[in-house]
Amino acid sequence: MGTVVHLSGPARPGPDLKELLARVVRGDRDAFSALYDAVAGPVFGLVRRVVRDPAQSEEVTQEVLLEVWRTAVRYRAERGEVLPWVLTIAHRRAVDRVRSAQAAADREQRVAAASHGAAFDEVAEQVEGRLEREQVRRCLKTLTELQRESLTLAYYRGYTYPQVAEVLGAPLGTVKTRMRDALIRMRDCLGVGT
């Protein structure tokens, strides 16, 4: 039997992320490119599990890697490895994105509920106003003609008592008495004050 030869050779260790990050701190773009290639996959995987939406996950991944570029100087080797540090940033950003999306959805829901409530209130007010007008018309029909004309001139046209008396050709005292009686009948008919 023949010997099996492995063409891949021994496993190559990944790049030294601490060394790459140290070079990124000095502004080395090639080092950042290599760091990017090494951590982008794990960052995207973590973000995707939290955010779920692929497009937003890509955006958050880009934001995380940009933050790594800008804040590389904050990394402390004595506190741990580079990848967990980067993944901590990624997790924080992903959770922020989910919270932001939830807050926006909550705001939209409140606005929709408020606008729906307002439309309902407007309809309710219109119906209530229509019912009140119909009840007033019905009650006006229970009055005598002089009472109805006196109230119509005084309350709907803005005439004073002397003007109502002049228009109707009736003594002022009679108009005042008829209007008082008419208001009492309207109050009773409409159920006001009971």
C-alpha atoms as a PDB file:
ATOM      1  CA  MET A   1       0.000   0.000   0.000  1.00  0.00           C
ATOM      2  CA  GLY A   2       1.103   3.490  -0.700  1.00  0.00           C
ATOM      3  CA  THR A   3       1.784   6.219   1.808  1.00  0.00           C
ATOM      4  CA  VAL A   4      -0.787   8.997   2.229  1.00  0.00           C
ATOM      5  CA  VAL A   5       0.758  12.383   1.677  1.00  0.00           C
ATOM      6  CA  HIS A   6      -0.916  15.485   3.091  1.00  0.00           C
ATOM      7  CA  LEU A   7      -0.427  18.357   0.717  1.00  0.00           C
ATOM      8  CA  SER A   8      -1.625  21.015   3.100  1.00  0.00           C
ATOM      9  CA  GLY A   9       1.357  20.695   5.386  1.00  0.00           C
ATOM     10  CA  PRO A  10       1.294  21.709   9.028  1.00  0.00           C
ATOM     11  CA  ALA A  11      -1.464  24.100  10.129  1.00  0.00           C
ATOM     12  CA  ARG A  12      -0.305  27.672   9.864  1.00  0.00           C
ATOM     13  CA  PRO A  13      -0.979  29.775  12.917  1.00  0.00           C
ATOM     14  CA  GLY A  14      -3.216  32.790  12.393  1.00  0.00           C
ATOM     15  CA  PRO A  15      -1.797  36.284  12.447  1.00  0.00           C
ATOM     16  CA  ASP A  16      -0.638  37.681  15.757  1.00  0.00           C
ATOM     17  CA  LEU A  17      -3.596  39.954  16.509  1.00  0.00           C
ATOM     18  CA  LYS A  18      -1.781  41.771  19.320  1.00  0.00           C
ATOM     19  CA  GLU A  19       1.060  42.659  16.975  1.00  0.00           C
ATOM     20  CA  LEU A  20      -1.373  43.753  14.263  1.00  0.00           C
ATOM     21  CA  LEU A  21      -3.299  45.912  16.720  1.00  0.00           C
ATOM     22  CA  ALA A  22      -0.084  47.495  17.987  1.00  0.00           C
ATOM     23  CA  ARG A  23       0.730  48.423  14.391  1.00  0.00           C
ATOM     24  CA  VAL A  24      -2.830  49.741  13.861  1.00  0.00           C
ATOM     25  CA  VAL A  25      -2.287  52.082  16.824  1.00  0.00           C
ATOM     26  CA  ARG A  26       0.632  53.548  14.860  1.00  0.00           C
ATOM     27  CA  GLY A  27      -1.663  54.079  11.824  1.00  0.00           C
ATOM     28  CA  ASP A  28      -0.476  51.077   9.774  1.00  0.00           C
ATOM     29  CA  ARG A  29      -3.223  50.527   7.187  1.00  0.00           C
ATOM     30  CA  ASP A  30      -1.795  47.194   6.015  1.00  0.00           C
ATOM     31  CA  ALA A  31      -1.919  45.914   9.579  1.00  0.00           C
ATOM     32  CA  PHE A  32      -5.528  47.066   9.853  1.00  0.00           C
ATOM     33  CA  SER A  33      -6.350  45.277   6.599  1.00  0.00           C
ATOM     34  CA  ALA A  34      -4.870  42.050   7.986  1.00  0.00           C
ATOM     35  CA  LEU A  35      -6.653  42.546  11.324  1.00  0.00           C
ATOM     36  CA  TYR A  36      -9.874  43.227   9.447  1.00  0.00           C
ATOM     37  CA  ASP A  37      -9.535  39.983   7.486  1.00  0.00           C
ATOM     38  CA  ALA A  38      -8.842  38.031  10.694  1.00  0.00           C
ATOM     39  CA  VAL A  39     -11.759  39.351  12.793  1.00  0.00           C
ATOM     40  CA  ALA A  40     -14.479  40.364  10.305  1.00  0.00           C
ATOM     41  CA  GLY A  41     -15.938  36.840  10.070  1.00  0.00           C
ATOM     42  CA  PRO A  42     -16.322  36.286  13.825  1.00  0.00           C
ATOM     43  CA  VAL A  43     -17.619  39.845  14.284  1.00  0.00           C
ATOM     44  CA  PHE A  44     -20.234  39.414  11.564  1.00  0.00           C
ATOM     45  CA  GLY A  45     -21.285  36.035  12.999  1.00  0.00           C
ATOM     46  CA  LEU A  46     -21.812  37.488  16.468  1.00  0.00           C
ATOM     47  CA  VAL A  47     -23.617  40.577  15.183  1.00  0.00           C
ATOM     48  CA  ARG A  48     -25.836  38.474  12.912  1.00  0.00           C
ATOM     49  CA  ARG A  49     -26.958  36.329  15.860  1.00  0.00           C
ATOM     50  CA  VAL A  50     -27.980  39.453  17.798  1.00  0.00           C
ATOM     51  CA  VAL A  51     -29.350  41.704  15.048  1.00  0.00           C
ATOM     52  CA  ARG A  52     -30.730  38.971  12.745  1.00  0.00           C
ATOM     53  CA  ASP A  53     -31.152  41.237   9.700  1.00  0.00           C
ATOM     54  CA  PRO A  54     -28.281  40.572   7.230  1.00  0.00           C
ATOM     55  CA  ALA A  55     -28.070  44.132   5.875  1.00  0.00           C
ATOM     56  CA  GLN A  56     -28.062  45.692   9.330  1.00  0.00           C
ATOM     57  CA  SER A  57     -25.548  43.087  10.489  1.00  0.00           C
ATOM     58  CA  GLU A  58     -23.193  44.177   7.712  1.00  0.00           C
ATOM     59  CA  GLU A  59     -23.624  47.828   8.725  1.00  0.00           C
ATOM     60  CA  VAL A  60     -22.951  47.075  12.384  1.00  0.00           C
ATOM     61  CA  THR A  61     -19.913  44.965  11.442  1.00  0.00           C
ATOM     62  CA  GLN A  62     -18.490  47.915   9.487  1.00  0.00           C
ATOM     63  CA  GLU A  63     -19.196  50.243  12.434  1.00  0.00           C
ATOM     64  CA  VAL A  64     -17.423  47.847  14.812  1.00  0.00           C
ATOM     65  CA  LEU A  65     -14.349  47.574  12.633  1.00  0.00           C
ATOM     66  CA  LEU A  66     -14.236  51.337  12.198  1.00  0.00           C
ATOM     67  CA  GLU A  67     -14.449  51.687  15.978  1.00  0.00           C
ATOM     68  CA  VAL A  68     -11.566  49.204  16.340  1.00  0.00           C
ATOM     69  CA  TRP A  69      -9.492  51.397  13.979  1.00  0.00           C
ATOM     70  CA  ARG A  70     -10.333  54.559  15.924  1.00  0.00           C
ATOM     71  CA  THR A  71     -10.013  53.099  19.432  1.00  0.00           C
ATOM     72  CA  ALA A  72      -7.137  50.632  18.997  1.00  0.00           C
ATOM     73  CA  VAL A  73      -5.118  52.732  21.421  1.00  0.00           C
ATOM     74  CA  ARG A  74      -7.558  51.775  24.220  1.00  0.00           C
ATOM     75  CA  TYR A  75      -6.783  48.061  23.954  1.00  0.00           C
ATOM     76  CA  ARG A  76      -4.835  46.739  26.953  1.00  0.00           C
ATOM     77  CA  ALA A  77      -2.981  43.463  26.324  1.00  0.00           C
ATOM     78  CA  GLU A  78      -2.830  42.702  30.042  1.00  0.00           C
ATOM     79  CA  ARG A  79      -6.645  42.552  30.145  1.00  0.00           C
ATOM     80  CA  GLY A  80      -7.028  39.841  27.539  1.00  0.00           C
ATOM     81  CA  GLU A  81      -6.772  38.811  23.933  1.00  0.00           C
ATOM     82  CA  VAL A  82      -7.637  40.999  20.943  1.00  0.00           C
ATOM     83  CA  LEU A  83     -10.496  38.924  19.521  1.00  0.00           C
ATOM     84  CA  PRO A  84     -12.576  38.937  22.733  1.00  0.00           C
ATOM     85  CA  TRP A  85     -11.991  42.704  23.010  1.00  0.00           C
ATOM     86  CA  VAL A  86     -13.227  43.204  19.440  1.00  0.00           C
ATOM     87  CA  LEU A  87     -16.189  40.855  20.017  1.00  0.00           C
ATOM     88  CA  THR A  88     -17.136  42.804  23.154  1.00  0.00           C
ATOM     89  CA  ILE A  89     -17.309  45.966  21.043  1.00  0.00           C
ATOM     90  CA  ALA A  90     -19.332  44.057  18.440  1.00  0.00           C
ATOM     91  CA  HIS A  91     -21.804  42.724  20.994  1.00  0.00           C
ATOM     92  CA  ARG A  92     -22.303  46.180  22.502  1.00  0.00           C
ATOM     93  CA  ARG A  93     -22.902  47.728  19.058  1.00  0.00           C
ATOM     94  CA  ALA A  94     -25.295  44.941  18.044  1.00  0.00           C
ATOM     95  CA  VAL A  95     -27.342  45.317  21.229  1.00  0.00           C
ATOM     96  CA  ASP A  96     -27.412  49.093  20.721  1.00  0.00           C
ATOM     97  CA  ARG A  97     -28.737  48.580  17.185  1.00  0.00           C
ATOM     98  CA  VAL A  98     -31.482  46.227  18.394  1.00  0.00           C
ATOM     99  CA  ARG A  99     -32.473  48.655  21.155  1.00  0.00           C
ATOM    100  CA  SER A 100     -32.480  51.544  18.715  1.00  0.00           C
ATOM    101  CA  ALA A 101     -34.653  49.611  16.256  1.00  0.00           C
ATOM    102  CA  GLN A 102     -37.031  48.631  19.068  1.00  0.00           C
ATOM    103  CA  ALA A 103     -37.245  52.216  20.299  1.00  0.00           C
ATOM    104  CA  ALA A 104     -38.032  53.401  16.766  1.00  0.00           C
ATOM    105  CA  ALA A 105     -40.714  50.730  16.394  1.00  0.00           C
ATOM    106  CA  ASP A 106     -42.203  51.722  19.758  1.00  0.00           C
ATOM    107  CA  ARG A 107     -42.262  55.396  18.708  1.00  0.00           C
ATOM    108  CA  GLU A 108     -43.957  54.541  15.423  1.00  0.00           C
ATOM    109  CA  GLN A 109     -46.513  52.432  17.264  1.00  0.00           C
ATOM    110  CA  ARG A 110     -47.243  55.281  19.726  1.00  0.00           C
ATOM    111  CA  VAL A 111     -47.629  57.755  16.857  1.00  0.00           C
ATOM    112  CA  ALA A 112     -49.923  55.357  14.996  1.00  0.00           C
ATOM    113  CA  ALA A 113     -51.989  54.762  18.133  1.00  0.00           C
ATOM    114  CA  ALA A 114     -52.192  58.495  18.826  1.00  0.00           C
ATOM    115  CA  SER A 115     -53.238  59.326  15.280  1.00  0.00           C
ATOM    116  CA  HIS A 116     -55.747  56.463  15.299  1.00  0.00           C
ATOM    117  CA  GLY A 117     -57.100  57.710  18.633  1.00  0.00           C
ATOM    118  CA  ALA A 118     -57.400  61.234  17.288  1.00  0.00           C
ATOM    119  CA  ALA A 119     -59.362  60.052  14.267  1.00  0.00           C
ATOM    120  CA  PHE A 120     -61.651  58.062  16.542  1.00  0.00           C
ATOM    121  CA  ASP A 121     -62.114  61.105  18.821  1.00  0.00           C
ATOM    122  CA  GLU A 122     -62.972  63.310  15.842  1.00  0.00           C
ATOM    123  CA  VAL A 123     -65.577  60.823  14.631  1.00  0.00           C
ATOM    124  CA  ALA A 124     -67.009  60.479  18.129  1.00  0.00           C
ATOM    125  CA  GLU A 125     -67.221  64.264  18.462  1.00  0.00           C
ATOM    126  CA  GLN A 126     -68.948  64.576  15.085  1.00  0.00           C
ATOM    127  CA  VAL A 127     -71.495  61.905  15.972  1.00  0.00           C
ATOM    128  CA  GLU A 128     -72.109  63.442  19.381  1.00  0.00           C
ATOM    129  CA  GLY A 129     -72.526  66.906  17.852  1.00  0.00           C
ATOM    130  CA  ARG A 130     -74.979  65.581  15.263  1.00  0.00           C
ATOM    131  CA  LEU A 131     -77.035  63.833  17.957  1.00  0.00           C
ATOM    132  CA  GLU A 132     -77.106  66.994  20.079  1.00  0.00           C
ATOM    133  CA  ARG A 133     -78.264  69.083  17.107  1.00  0.00           C
ATOM    134  CA  GLU A 134     -81.029  66.597  16.348  1.00  0.00           C
ATOM    135  CA  GLN A 135     -82.159  66.660  19.970  1.00  0.00           C
ATOM    136  CA  VAL A 136     -82.191  70.479  19.978  1.00  0.00           C
ATOM    137  CA  ARG A 137     -84.282  70.490  16.759  1.00  0.00           C
ATOM    138  CA  ARG A 138     -86.695  67.983  18.277  1.00  0.00           C
ATOM    139  CA  CYS A 139     -87.036  70.096  21.435  1.00  0.00           C
ATOM    140  CA  LEU A 140     -87.506  73.305  19.419  1.00  0.00           C
ATOM    141  CA  LYS A 141     -90.533  71.668  17.756  1.00  0.00           C
ATOM    142  CA  THR A 142     -92.229  71.380  21.182  1.00  0.00           C
ATOM    143  CA  LEU A 143     -92.236  75.186  21.603  1.00  0.00           C
ATOM    144  CA  THR A 144     -94.912  77.615  20.510  1.00  0.00           C
ATOM    145  CA  GLU A 145     -94.190  79.604  17.371  1.00  0.00           C
ATOM    146  CA  LEU A 146     -93.495  82.822  19.348  1.00  0.00           C
ATOM    147  CA  GLN A 147     -91.119  80.961  21.706  1.00  0.00           C
ATOM    148  CA  ARG A 148     -89.295  79.262  18.827  1.00  0.00           C
ATOM    149  CA  GLU A 149     -88.945  82.501  16.823  1.00  0.00           C
ATOM    150  CA  SER A 150     -87.778  84.422  19.909  1.00  0.00           C
ATOM    151  CA  LEU A 151     -85.072  81.853  20.706  1.00  0.00           C
ATOM    152  CA  THR A 152     -83.977  81.585  17.080  1.00  0.00           C
ATOM    153  CA  LEU A 153     -83.563  85.342  16.740  1.00  0.00           C
ATOM    154  CA  ALA A 154     -81.809  85.743  20.109  1.00  0.00           C
ATOM    155  CA  TYR A 155     -79.528  82.696  20.140  1.00  0.00           C
ATOM    156  CA  TYR A 156     -78.867  81.895  16.490  1.00  0.00           C
ATOM    157  CA  ARG A 157     -78.907  85.395  15.015  1.00  0.00           C
ATOM    158  CA  GLY A 158     -77.605  87.340  18.016  1.00  0.00           C
ATOM    159  CA  TYR A 159     -80.526  89.760  18.381  1.00  0.00           C
ATOM    160  CA  THR A 160     -81.110  91.591  21.666  1.00  0.00           C
ATOM    161  CA  TYR A 161     -84.470  91.311  23.471  1.00  0.00           C
ATOM    162  CA  PRO A 162     -85.630  94.752  22.191  1.00  0.00           C
ATOM    163  CA  GLN A 163     -84.642  93.769  18.619  1.00  0.00           C
ATOM    164  CA  VAL A 164     -86.542  90.457  18.924  1.00  0.00           C
ATOM    165  CA  ALA A 165     -89.611  92.356  20.187  1.00  0.00           C
ATOM    166  CA  GLU A 166     -89.368  94.771  17.269  1.00  0.00           C
ATOM    167  CA  VAL A 167     -88.964  92.016  14.641  1.00  0.00           C
ATOM    168  CA  LEU A 168     -91.867  89.988  16.055  1.00  0.00           C
ATOM    169  CA  GLY A 169     -94.048  93.062  16.690  1.00  0.00           C
ATOM    170  CA  ALA A 170     -94.653  91.969  20.276  1.00  0.00           C
ATOM    171  CA  PRO A 171     -94.271  93.874  23.553  1.00  0.00           C
ATOM    172  CA  LEU A 172     -90.811  93.517  25.154  1.00  0.00           C
ATOM    173  CA  GLY A 173     -92.262  92.036  28.382  1.00  0.00           C
ATOM    174  CA  THR A 174     -94.123  89.364  26.395  1.00  0.00           C
ATOM    175  CA  VAL A 175     -90.966  88.425  24.467  1.00  0.00           C
ATOM    176  CA  LYS A 176     -88.961  88.154  27.713  1.00  0.00           C
ATOM    177  CA  THR A 177     -91.643  85.939  29.314  1.00  0.00           C
ATOM    178  CA  ARG A 178     -91.916  83.716  26.219  1.00  0.00           C
ATOM    179  CA  MET A 179     -88.147  83.343  26.029  1.00  0.00           C
ATOM    180  CA  ARG A 180     -87.913  82.461  29.734  1.00  0.00           C
ATOM    181  CA  ASP A 181     -90.654  79.832  29.315  1.00  0.00           C
ATOM    182  CA  ALA A 182     -89.004  78.547  26.142  1.00  0.00           C
ATOM    183  CA  LEU A 183     -85.635  78.146  27.880  1.00  0.00           C
ATOM    184  CA  ILE A 184     -87.272  76.240  30.747  1.00  0.00           C
ATOM    185  CA  ARG A 185     -88.990  73.895  28.272  1.00  0.00           C
ATOM    186  CA  MET A 186     -85.768  73.410  26.316  1.00  0.00           C
ATOM    187  CA  ARG A 187     -83.865  72.652  29.527  1.00  0.00           C
ATOM    188  CA  ASP A 188     -86.460  70.065  30.544  1.00  0.00           C
ATOM    189  CA  CYS A 189     -86.586  68.545  27.050  1.00  0.00           C
ATOM    190  CA  LEU A 190     -82.807  68.301  26.766  1.00  0.00           C
ATOM    191  CA  GLY A 191     -82.435  66.967  30.317  1.00  0.00           C
ATOM    192  CA  VAL A 192     -79.982  69.708  31.270  1.00  0.00           C
ATOM    193  CA  GLY A 193     -79.387  70.042  35.003  1.00  0.00           C
ATOM    194  CA  THR A 194     -81.254  66.847  35.913  1.00  0.00           C
END
